[in-house]
Amino acid sequence: TAEDLLPLLEDERVLGLAEMMNMPGVLAGDEQVLA
């Protein structure tokens, strides 16, 4: 989940979020995807 990933965003060697494959989730405004 977004909550699982959040702490790792602080790591200096983490540059972002990898390929957002869940296109239907993005287009439908899925809460976890948008988070």
Full PDB file with SEQRES, HELIX, SHEET, SSBOND, CRYST1, ORIGX, SCALE, CONECT and MASTER records, all heavy atoms in Angstrom:
SEQRES   1 A   35  THR ALA GLU ASP LEU LEU PRO LEU LEU GLU ASP GLU ARG          
SEQRES   2 A   35  VAL LEU GLY LEU ALA GLU MET MET ASN MET PRO GLY VAL          
SEQRES   3 A   35  LEU ALA GLY ASP GLU GLN VAL LEU ALA                          
HELIX    1 AA1 ALA A    2  LEU A    5  1                                   4    
HELIX    2 AA2 LEU A    6  GLU A   10  5                                   5    
HELIX    3 AA3 MET A   23  LEU A   27  1                                   5    
HELIX    4 AA4 GLU A   31  LEU A   34  1                                   4    
CRYST1    1.000    1.000    1.000  90.00  90.00  90.00 P 1           1          
ORIGX1      1.000000  0.000000  0.000000        0.00000                         
ORIGX2      0.000000  1.000000  0.000000        0.00000                         
ORIGX3      0.000000  0.000000  1.000000        0.00000                         
SCALE1      1.000000  0.000000  0.000000        0.00000                         
SCALE2      0.000000  1.000000  0.000000        0.00000                         
SCALE3      0.000000  0.000000  1.000000        0.00000                         
ATOM      1  N   THR A   1       0.827  -1.202   0.000  1.00  0.00           N  
ATOM      2  CA  THR A   1       0.000   0.000   0.000  1.00  0.00           C  
ATOM      3  C   THR A   1       0.868   1.261   0.000  1.00  0.00           C  
ATOM      4  O   THR A   1       2.090   1.198   0.177  1.00  0.00           O  
ATOM      5  CB  THR A   1      -0.908   0.028   1.236  1.00  0.00           C  
ATOM      6  OG1 THR A   1      -0.082   0.176   2.403  1.00  0.00           O  
ATOM      7  CG2 THR A   1      -1.724  -1.253   1.352  1.00  0.00           C  
ATOM      8  N   ALA A   2       0.212   2.402  -0.162  1.00  0.00           N  
ATOM      9  CA  ALA A   2       0.913   3.680  -0.079  1.00  0.00           C  
ATOM     10  C   ALA A   2       1.580   3.833   1.282  1.00  0.00           C  
ATOM     11  O   ALA A   2       2.710   4.340   1.392  1.00  0.00           O  
ATOM     12  CB  ALA A   2      -0.062   4.828  -0.336  1.00  0.00           C  
ATOM     13  N   GLU A   3       0.914   3.389   2.322  1.00  0.00           N  
ATOM     14  CA  GLU A   3       1.468   3.496   3.675  1.00  0.00           C  
ATOM     15  C   GLU A   3       2.722   2.629   3.828  1.00  0.00           C  
ATOM     16  O   GLU A   3       3.664   3.003   4.542  1.00  0.00           O  
ATOM     17  CB  GLU A   3       0.420   3.083   4.709  1.00  0.00           C  
ATOM     18  CG  GLU A   3      -0.745   4.050   4.854  1.00  0.00           C  
ATOM     19  CD  GLU A   3      -1.716   3.998   3.675  1.00  0.00           C  
ATOM     20  OE1 GLU A   3      -1.713   2.976   2.926  1.00  0.00           O  
ATOM     21  OE2 GLU A   3      -2.460   4.969   3.489  1.00  0.00           O  
ATOM     22  N   ASP A   4       2.745   1.488   3.158  1.00  0.00           N  
ATOM     23  CA  ASP A   4       3.929   0.625   3.206  1.00  0.00           C  
ATOM     24  C   ASP A   4       5.137   1.315   2.564  1.00  0.00           C  
ATOM     25  O   ASP A   4       6.268   1.214   3.056  1.00  0.00           O  
ATOM     26  CB  ASP A   4       3.661  -0.694   2.474  1.00  0.00           C  
ATOM     27  CG  ASP A   4       2.601  -1.540   3.155  1.00  0.00           C  
ATOM     28  OD1 ASP A   4       2.540  -1.515   4.403  1.00  0.00           O  
ATOM     29  OD2 ASP A   4       1.839  -2.221   2.448  1.00  0.00           O  
ATOM     30  N   LEU A   5       4.901   1.995   1.457  1.00  0.00           N  
ATOM     31  CA  LEU A   5       5.991   2.588   0.676  1.00  0.00           C  
ATOM     32  C   LEU A   5       6.489   3.913   1.235  1.00  0.00           C  
ATOM     33  O   LEU A   5       7.639   4.303   1.002  1.00  0.00           O  
ATOM     34  CB  LEU A   5       5.541   2.799  -0.772  1.00  0.00           C  
ATOM     35  CG  LEU A   5       5.170   1.546  -1.573  1.00  0.00           C  
ATOM     36  CD1 LEU A   5       4.657   1.942  -2.947  1.00  0.00           C  
ATOM     37  CD2 LEU A   5       6.354   0.598  -1.714  1.00  0.00           C  
ATOM     38  N   LEU A   6       5.636   4.601   1.959  1.00  0.00           N  
ATOM     39  CA  LEU A   6       5.943   5.967   2.389  1.00  0.00           C  
ATOM     40  C   LEU A   6       7.297   6.112   3.083  1.00  0.00           C  
ATOM     41  O   LEU A   6       8.068   7.027   2.744  1.00  0.00           O  
ATOM     42  CB  LEU A   6       4.816   6.496   3.286  1.00  0.00           C  
ATOM     43  CG  LEU A   6       4.833   8.000   3.576  1.00  0.00           C  
ATOM     44  CD1 LEU A   6       4.761   8.805   2.293  1.00  0.00           C  
ATOM     45  CD2 LEU A   6       3.666   8.372   4.499  1.00  0.00           C  
ATOM     46  N   PRO A   7       7.674   5.244   4.044  1.00  0.00           N  
ATOM     47  CA  PRO A   7       8.976   5.427   4.715  1.00  0.00           C  
ATOM     48  C   PRO A   7      10.164   5.347   3.759  1.00  0.00           C  
ATOM     49  O   PRO A   7      11.183   6.023   3.972  1.00  0.00           O  
ATOM     50  CB  PRO A   7       9.006   4.289   5.736  1.00  0.00           C  
ATOM     51  CG  PRO A   7       7.578   3.935   5.963  1.00  0.00           C  
ATOM     52  CD  PRO A   7       6.908   4.140   4.645  1.00  0.00           C  
ATOM     53  N   LEU A   8      10.037   4.548   2.692  1.00  0.00           N  
ATOM     54  CA  LEU A   8      11.156   4.376   1.767  1.00  0.00           C  
ATOM     55  C   LEU A   8      11.384   5.611   0.898  1.00  0.00           C  
ATOM     56  O   LEU A   8      12.463   5.771   0.319  1.00  0.00           O  
ATOM     57  CB  LEU A   8      10.911   3.151   0.875  1.00  0.00           C  
ATOM     58  CG  LEU A   8      10.965   1.792   1.591  1.00  0.00           C  
ATOM     59  CD1 LEU A   8      10.601   0.674   0.631  1.00  0.00           C  
ATOM     60  CD2 LEU A   8      12.349   1.541   2.186  1.00  0.00           C  
ATOM     61  N   LEU A   9      10.409   6.488   0.802  1.00  0.00           N  
ATOM     62  CA  LEU A   9      10.582   7.713   0.022  1.00  0.00           C  
ATOM     63  C   LEU A   9      11.629   8.639   0.622  1.00  0.00           C  
ATOM     64  O   LEU A   9      12.109   9.564  -0.039  1.00  0.00           O  
ATOM     65  CB  LEU A   9       9.248   8.452  -0.108  1.00  0.00           C  
ATOM     66  CG  LEU A   9       8.203   7.803  -1.034  1.00  0.00           C  
ATOM     67  CD1 LEU A   9       6.852   8.490  -0.873  1.00  0.00           C  
ATOM     68  CD2 LEU A   9       8.652   7.846  -2.488  1.00  0.00           C  
ATOM     69  N   GLU A  10      11.990   8.398   1.872  1.00  0.00           N  
ATOM     70  CA  GLU A  10      13.002   9.223   2.537  1.00  0.00           C  
ATOM     71  C   GLU A  10      14.425   8.788   2.185  1.00  0.00           C  
ATOM     72  O   GLU A  10      15.379   9.523   2.436  1.00  0.00           O  
ATOM     73  CB  GLU A  10      12.818   9.142   4.063  1.00  0.00           C  
ATOM     74  CG  GLU A  10      11.436   9.553   4.552  1.00  0.00           C  
ATOM     75  CD  GLU A  10      11.153  11.028   4.341  1.00  0.00           C  
ATOM     76  OE1 GLU A  10      12.117  11.793   4.189  1.00  0.00           O  
ATOM     77  OE2 GLU A  10       9.959  11.396   4.327  1.00  0.00           O  
ATOM     78  N   ASP A  11      14.581   7.601   1.621  1.00  0.00           N  
ATOM     79  CA  ASP A  11      15.913   7.090   1.290  1.00  0.00           C  
ATOM     80  C   ASP A  11      16.507   7.900   0.141  1.00  0.00           C  
ATOM     81  O   ASP A  11      15.856   8.108  -0.883  1.00  0.00           O  
ATOM     82  CB  ASP A  11      15.820   5.611   0.912  1.00  0.00           C  
ATOM     83  CG  ASP A  11      17.183   4.932   0.862  1.00  0.00           C  
ATOM     84  OD1 ASP A  11      18.032   5.366   0.056  1.00  0.00           O  
ATOM     85  OD2 ASP A  11      17.401   3.970   1.624  1.00  0.00           O  
ATOM     86  N   GLU A  12      17.749   8.351   0.281  1.00  0.00           N  
ATOM     87  CA  GLU A  12      18.368   9.207  -0.734  1.00  0.00           C  
ATOM     88  C   GLU A  12      18.581   8.488  -2.064  1.00  0.00           C  
ATOM     89  O   GLU A  12      18.775   9.144  -3.095  1.00  0.00           O  
ATOM     90  CB  GLU A  12      19.708   9.752  -0.220  1.00  0.00           C  
ATOM     91  CG  GLU A  12      20.761   8.686   0.037  1.00  0.00           C  
ATOM     92  CD  GLU A  12      22.061   9.280   0.557  1.00  0.00           C  
ATOM     93  OE1 GLU A  12      22.100  10.509   0.757  1.00  0.00           O  
ATOM     94  OE2 GLU A  12      23.020   8.507   0.757  1.00  0.00           O  
ATOM     95  N   ARG A  13      18.549   7.166  -2.054  1.00  0.00           N  
ATOM     96  CA  ARG A  13      18.725   6.417  -3.299  1.00  0.00           C  
ATOM     97  C   ARG A  13      17.393   6.003  -3.918  1.00  0.00           C  
ATOM     98  O   ARG A  13      17.369   5.270  -4.907  1.00  0.00           O  
ATOM     99  CB  ARG A  13      19.613   5.199  -3.062  1.00  0.00           C  
ATOM    100  CG  ARG A  13      21.079   5.601  -2.842  1.00  0.00           C  
ATOM    101  CD  ARG A  13      21.929   4.460  -2.363  1.00  0.00           C  
ATOM    102  NE  ARG A  13      21.817   3.302  -3.215  1.00  0.00           N  
ATOM    103  CZ  ARG A  13      21.628   2.061  -2.771  1.00  0.00           C  
ATOM    104  NH1 ARG A  13      21.512   1.839  -1.464  1.00  0.00           N  
ATOM    105  NH2 ARG A  13      21.564   1.044  -3.594  1.00  0.00           N  
ATOM    106  N   VAL A  14      16.301   6.459  -3.354  1.00  0.00           N  
ATOM    107  CA  VAL A  14      14.977   6.262  -3.949  1.00  0.00           C  
ATOM    108  C   VAL A  14      14.616   7.527  -4.714  1.00  0.00           C  
ATOM    109  O   VAL A  14      14.570   8.617  -4.149  1.00  0.00           O  
ATOM    110  CB  VAL A  14      13.923   5.949  -2.869  1.00  0.00           C  
ATOM    111  CG1 VAL A  14      12.525   6.002  -3.459  1.00  0.00           C  
ATOM    112  CG2 VAL A  14      14.187   4.573  -2.254  1.00  0.00           C  
ATOM    113  N   LEU A  15      14.355   7.387  -6.004  1.00  0.00           N  
ATOM    114  CA  LEU A  15      14.131   8.550  -6.866  1.00  0.00           C  
ATOM    115  C   LEU A  15      12.675   8.755  -7.259  1.00  0.00           C  
ATOM    116  O   LEU A  15      12.351   9.731  -7.929  1.00  0.00           O  
ATOM    117  CB  LEU A  15      14.979   8.434  -8.137  1.00  0.00           C  
ATOM    118  CG  LEU A  15      16.491   8.425  -7.944  1.00  0.00           C  
ATOM    119  CD1 LEU A  15      17.196   8.419  -9.284  1.00  0.00           C  
ATOM    120  CD2 LEU A  15      16.951   9.606  -7.103  1.00  0.00           C  
ATOM    121  N   GLY A  16      11.798   7.843  -6.842  1.00  0.00           N  
ATOM    122  CA  GLY A  16      10.405   8.050  -7.186  1.00  0.00           C  
ATOM    123  C   GLY A  16       9.601   6.776  -7.199  1.00  0.00           C  
ATOM    124  O   GLY A  16       9.964   5.778  -6.567  1.00  0.00           O  
ATOM    125  N   LEU A  17       8.515   6.820  -7.937  1.00  0.00           N  
ATOM    126  CA  LEU A  17       7.574   5.713  -8.039  1.00  0.00           C  
ATOM    127  C   LEU A  17       7.744   5.068  -9.410  1.00  0.00           C  
ATOM    128  O   LEU A  17       7.707   5.744 -10.437  1.00  0.00           O  
ATOM    129  CB  LEU A  17       6.141   6.241  -7.879  1.00  0.00           C  
ATOM    130  CG  LEU A  17       5.022   5.226  -7.628  1.00  0.00           C  
ATOM    131  CD1 LEU A  17       5.220   4.506  -6.302  1.00  0.00           C  
ATOM    132  CD2 LEU A  17       3.661   5.938  -7.650  1.00  0.00           C  
ATOM    133  N   ALA A  18       7.946   3.755  -9.409  1.00  0.00           N  
ATOM    134  CA  ALA A  18       8.186   3.037 -10.657  1.00  0.00           C  
ATOM    135  C   ALA A  18       6.900   2.903 -11.468  1.00  0.00           C  
ATOM    136  O   ALA A  18       5.819   3.262 -11.019  1.00  0.00           O  
ATOM    137  CB  ALA A  18       8.772   1.665 -10.361  1.00  0.00           C  
ATOM    138  N   GLU A  19       7.048   2.356 -12.635  1.00  0.00           N  
ATOM    139  CA  GLU A  19       5.987   2.317 -13.647  1.00  0.00           C  
ATOM    140  C   GLU A  19       4.593   2.065 -13.065  1.00  0.00           C  
ATOM    141  O   GLU A  19       4.325   1.020 -12.484  1.00  0.00           O  
ATOM    142  CB  GLU A  19       6.304   1.262 -14.702  1.00  0.00           C  
ATOM    143  CG  GLU A  19       6.654  -0.107 -14.149  1.00  0.00           C  
ATOM    144  CD  GLU A  19       7.021  -1.076 -15.255  1.00  0.00           C  
ATOM    145  OE1 GLU A  19       6.317  -1.124 -16.271  1.00  0.00           O  
ATOM    146  OE2 GLU A  19       8.018  -1.802 -15.085  1.00  0.00           O  
ATOM    147  N   MET A  20       3.724   3.049 -13.247  1.00  0.00           N  
ATOM    148  CA  MET A  20       2.351   2.966 -12.756  1.00  0.00           C  
ATOM    149  C   MET A  20       1.524   2.173 -13.769  1.00  0.00           C  
ATOM    150  O   MET A  20       0.933   2.710 -14.694  1.00  0.00           O  
ATOM    151  CB  MET A  20       1.782   4.370 -12.545  1.00  0.00           C  
ATOM    152  CG  MET A  20       0.318   4.384 -12.091  1.00  0.00           C  
ATOM    153  SD  MET A  20      -0.079   3.262 -10.726  1.00  0.00           S  
ATOM    154  CE  MET A  20       0.711   4.111  -9.358  1.00  0.00           C  
ATOM    155  N   MET A  21       1.526   0.850 -13.566  1.00  0.00           N  
ATOM    156  CA  MET A  21       0.866  -0.047 -14.512  1.00  0.00           C  
ATOM    157  C   MET A  21      -0.647  -0.070 -14.366  1.00  0.00           C  
ATOM    158  O   MET A  21      -1.362  -0.441 -15.292  1.00  0.00           O  
ATOM    159  CB  MET A  21       1.413  -1.464 -14.337  1.00  0.00           C  
ATOM    160  CG  MET A  21       2.862  -1.599 -14.736  1.00  0.00           C  
ATOM    161  SD  MET A  21       3.469  -3.274 -14.522  1.00  0.00           S  
ATOM    162  CE  MET A  21       3.514  -3.385 -12.747  1.00  0.00           C  
ATOM    163  N   ASN A  22      -1.126   0.298 -13.202  1.00  0.00           N  
ATOM    164  CA  ASN A  22      -2.568   0.230 -12.966  1.00  0.00           C  
ATOM    165  C   ASN A  22      -3.255   1.441 -13.591  1.00  0.00           C  
ATOM    166  O   ASN A  22      -3.735   2.352 -12.910  1.00  0.00           O  
ATOM    167  CB  ASN A  22      -2.861   0.153 -11.466  1.00  0.00           C  
ATOM    168  CG  ASN A  22      -4.306  -0.179 -11.168  1.00  0.00           C  
ATOM    169  OD1 ASN A  22      -5.144  -0.201 -12.069  1.00  0.00           O  
ATOM    170  ND2 ASN A  22      -4.602  -0.447  -9.920  1.00  0.00           N  
ATOM    171  N   MET A  23      -3.280   1.447 -14.922  1.00  0.00           N  
ATOM    172  CA  MET A  23      -3.922   2.551 -15.637  1.00  0.00           C  
ATOM    173  C   MET A  23      -5.405   2.687 -15.277  1.00  0.00           C  
ATOM    174  O   MET A  23      -5.879   3.804 -15.050  1.00  0.00           O  
ATOM    175  CB  MET A  23      -3.754   2.362 -17.145  1.00  0.00           C  
ATOM    176  CG  MET A  23      -2.326   2.381 -17.625  1.00  0.00           C  
ATOM    177  SD  MET A  23      -2.231   2.107 -19.411  1.00  0.00           S  
ATOM    178  CE  MET A  23      -2.850   0.426 -19.557  1.00  0.00           C  
ATOM    179  N   PRO A  24      -6.151   1.582 -15.225  1.00  0.00           N  
ATOM    180  CA  PRO A  24      -7.556   1.724 -14.838  1.00  0.00           C  
ATOM    181  C   PRO A  24      -7.724   2.350 -13.459  1.00  0.00           C  
ATOM    182  O   PRO A  24      -8.640   3.141 -13.232  1.00  0.00           O  
ATOM    183  CB  PRO A  24      -8.082   0.278 -14.860  1.00  0.00           C  
ATOM    184  CG  PRO A  24      -7.196  -0.419 -15.829  1.00  0.00           C  
ATOM    185  CD  PRO A  24      -5.848   0.190 -15.620  1.00  0.00           C  
ATOM    186  N   GLY A  25      -6.796   2.012 -12.530  1.00  0.00           N  
ATOM    187  CA  GLY A  25      -6.855   2.602 -11.197  1.00  0.00           C  
ATOM    188  C   GLY A  25      -6.624   4.096 -11.223  1.00  0.00           C  
ATOM    189  O   GLY A  25      -7.287   4.857 -10.506  1.00  0.00           O  
ATOM    190  N   VAL A  26      -5.674   4.539 -12.061  1.00  0.00           N  
ATOM    191  CA  VAL A  26      -5.424   5.979 -12.188  1.00  0.00           C  
ATOM    192  C   VAL A  26      -6.655   6.677 -12.753  1.00  0.00           C  
ATOM    193  O   VAL A  26      -7.129   7.693 -12.223  1.00  0.00           O  
ATOM    194  CB  VAL A  26      -4.207   6.243 -13.101  1.00  0.00           C  
ATOM    195  CG1 VAL A  26      -4.045   7.738 -13.353  1.00  0.00           C  
ATOM    196  CG2 VAL A  26      -2.931   5.680 -12.475  1.00  0.00           C  
ATOM    197  N   LEU A  27      -7.181   6.132 -13.839  1.00  0.00           N  
ATOM    198  CA  LEU A  27      -8.295   6.786 -14.534  1.00  0.00           C  
ATOM    199  C   LEU A  27      -9.571   6.788 -13.693  1.00  0.00           C  
ATOM    200  O   LEU A  27     -10.389   7.716 -13.802  1.00  0.00           O  
ATOM    201  CB  LEU A  27      -8.554   6.085 -15.871  1.00  0.00           C  
ATOM    202  CG  LEU A  27      -7.371   6.091 -16.857  1.00  0.00           C  
ATOM    203  CD1 LEU A  27      -7.738   5.370 -18.140  1.00  0.00           C  
ATOM    204  CD2 LEU A  27      -6.912   7.503 -17.151  1.00  0.00           C  
ATOM    205  N   ALA A  28      -9.713   5.773 -12.847  1.00  0.00           N  
ATOM    206  CA  ALA A  28     -10.911   5.699 -12.001  1.00  0.00           C  
ATOM    207  C   ALA A  28     -10.732   6.433 -10.681  1.00  0.00           C  
ATOM    208  O   ALA A  28     -11.667   6.509  -9.878  1.00  0.00           O  
ATOM    209  CB  ALA A  28     -11.265   4.237 -11.737  1.00  0.00           C  
ATOM    210  N   GLY A  29      -9.537   6.985 -10.450  1.00  0.00           N  
ATOM    211  CA  GLY A  29      -9.276   7.713  -9.209  1.00  0.00           C  
ATOM    212  C   GLY A  29      -9.204   6.811  -7.997  1.00  0.00           C  
ATOM    213  O   GLY A  29      -9.603   7.211  -6.889  1.00  0.00           O  
ATOM    214  N   ASP A  30      -8.660   5.603  -8.182  1.00  0.00           N  
ATOM    215  CA  ASP A  30      -8.522   4.670  -7.062  1.00  0.00           C  
ATOM    216  C   ASP A  30      -7.742   5.332  -5.916  1.00  0.00           C  
ATOM    217  O   ASP A  30      -6.684   5.928  -6.124  1.00  0.00           O  
ATOM    218  CB  ASP A  30      -7.793   3.408  -7.541  1.00  0.00           C  
ATOM    219  CG  ASP A  30      -7.572   2.401  -6.442  1.00  0.00           C  
ATOM    220  OD1 ASP A  30      -6.543   2.506  -5.749  1.00  0.00           O  
ATOM    221  OD2 ASP A  30      -8.427   1.514  -6.261  1.00  0.00           O  
ATOM    222  N   GLU A  31      -8.255   5.198  -4.715  1.00  0.00           N  
ATOM    223  CA  GLU A  31      -7.686   5.907  -3.563  1.00  0.00           C  
ATOM    224  C   GLU A  31      -6.235   5.521  -3.305  1.00  0.00           C  
ATOM    225  O   GLU A  31      -5.385   6.388  -3.068  1.00  0.00           O  
ATOM    226  CB  GLU A  31      -8.542   5.630  -2.322  1.00  0.00           C  
ATOM    227  CG  GLU A  31      -8.079   6.402  -1.087  1.00  0.00           C  
ATOM    228  CD  GLU A  31      -9.012   6.208   0.098  1.00  0.00           C  
ATOM    229  OE1 GLU A  31     -10.152   5.756  -0.117  1.00  0.00           O  
ATOM    230  OE2 GLU A  31      -8.583   6.502   1.227  1.00  0.00           O  
ATOM    231  N   GLN A  32      -5.911   4.225  -3.331  1.00  0.00           N  
ATOM    232  CA  GLN A  32      -4.559   3.772  -3.055  1.00  0.00           C  
ATOM    233  C   GLN A  32      -3.591   4.215  -4.163  1.00  0.00           C  
ATOM    234  O   GLN A  32      -2.469   4.639  -3.880  1.00  0.00           O  
ATOM    235  CB  GLN A  32      -4.527   2.251  -2.905  1.00  0.00           C  
ATOM    236  CG  GLN A  32      -4.705   1.763  -1.487  1.00  0.00           C  
ATOM    237  CD  GLN A  32      -3.551   2.188  -0.582  1.00  0.00           C  
ATOM    238  OE1 GLN A  32      -2.384   2.109  -0.951  1.00  0.00           O  
ATOM    239  NE2 GLN A  32      -3.885   2.649   0.618  1.00  0.00           N  
ATOM    240  N   VAL A  33      -4.032   4.130  -5.402  1.00  0.00           N  
ATOM    241  CA  VAL A  33      -3.188   4.533  -6.528  1.00  0.00           C  
ATOM    242  C   VAL A  33      -2.845   6.019  -6.429  1.00  0.00           C  
ATOM    243  O   VAL A  33      -1.678   6.418  -6.540  1.00  0.00           O  
ATOM    244  CB  VAL A  33      -3.888   4.222  -7.863  1.00  0.00           C  
ATOM    245  CG1 VAL A  33      -3.140   4.871  -9.030  1.00  0.00           C  
ATOM    246  CG2 VAL A  33      -3.986   2.723  -8.077  1.00  0.00           C  
ATOM    247  N   LEU A  34      -3.858   6.828  -6.193  1.00  0.00           N  
ATOM    248  CA  LEU A  34      -3.617   8.270  -6.103  1.00  0.00           C  
ATOM    249  C   LEU A  34      -2.785   8.627  -4.877  1.00  0.00           C  
ATOM    250  O   LEU A  34      -1.984   9.568  -4.910  1.00  0.00           O  
ATOM    251  CB  LEU A  34      -4.945   9.026  -6.083  1.00  0.00           C  
ATOM    252  CG  LEU A  34      -5.823   8.894  -7.332  1.00  0.00           C  
ATOM    253  CD1 LEU A  34      -6.990   9.868  -7.262  1.00  0.00           C  
ATOM    254  CD2 LEU A  34      -5.015   9.121  -8.609  1.00  0.00           C  
ATOM    255  N   ALA A  35      -2.953   7.868  -3.792  1.00  0.00           N  
ATOM    256  CA  ALA A  35      -2.157   8.130  -2.586  1.00  0.00           C  
ATOM    257  C   ALA A  35      -0.675   7.896  -2.851  1.00  0.00           C  
ATOM    258  O   ALA A  35       0.180   8.657  -2.366  1.00  0.00           O  
ATOM    259  CB  ALA A  35      -2.640   7.245  -1.437  1.00  0.00           C  
TER     260      ALA A  35                                                      
MASTER        0    0    0    4    0    0    0    6  259    1    0    3          
END                                                                             
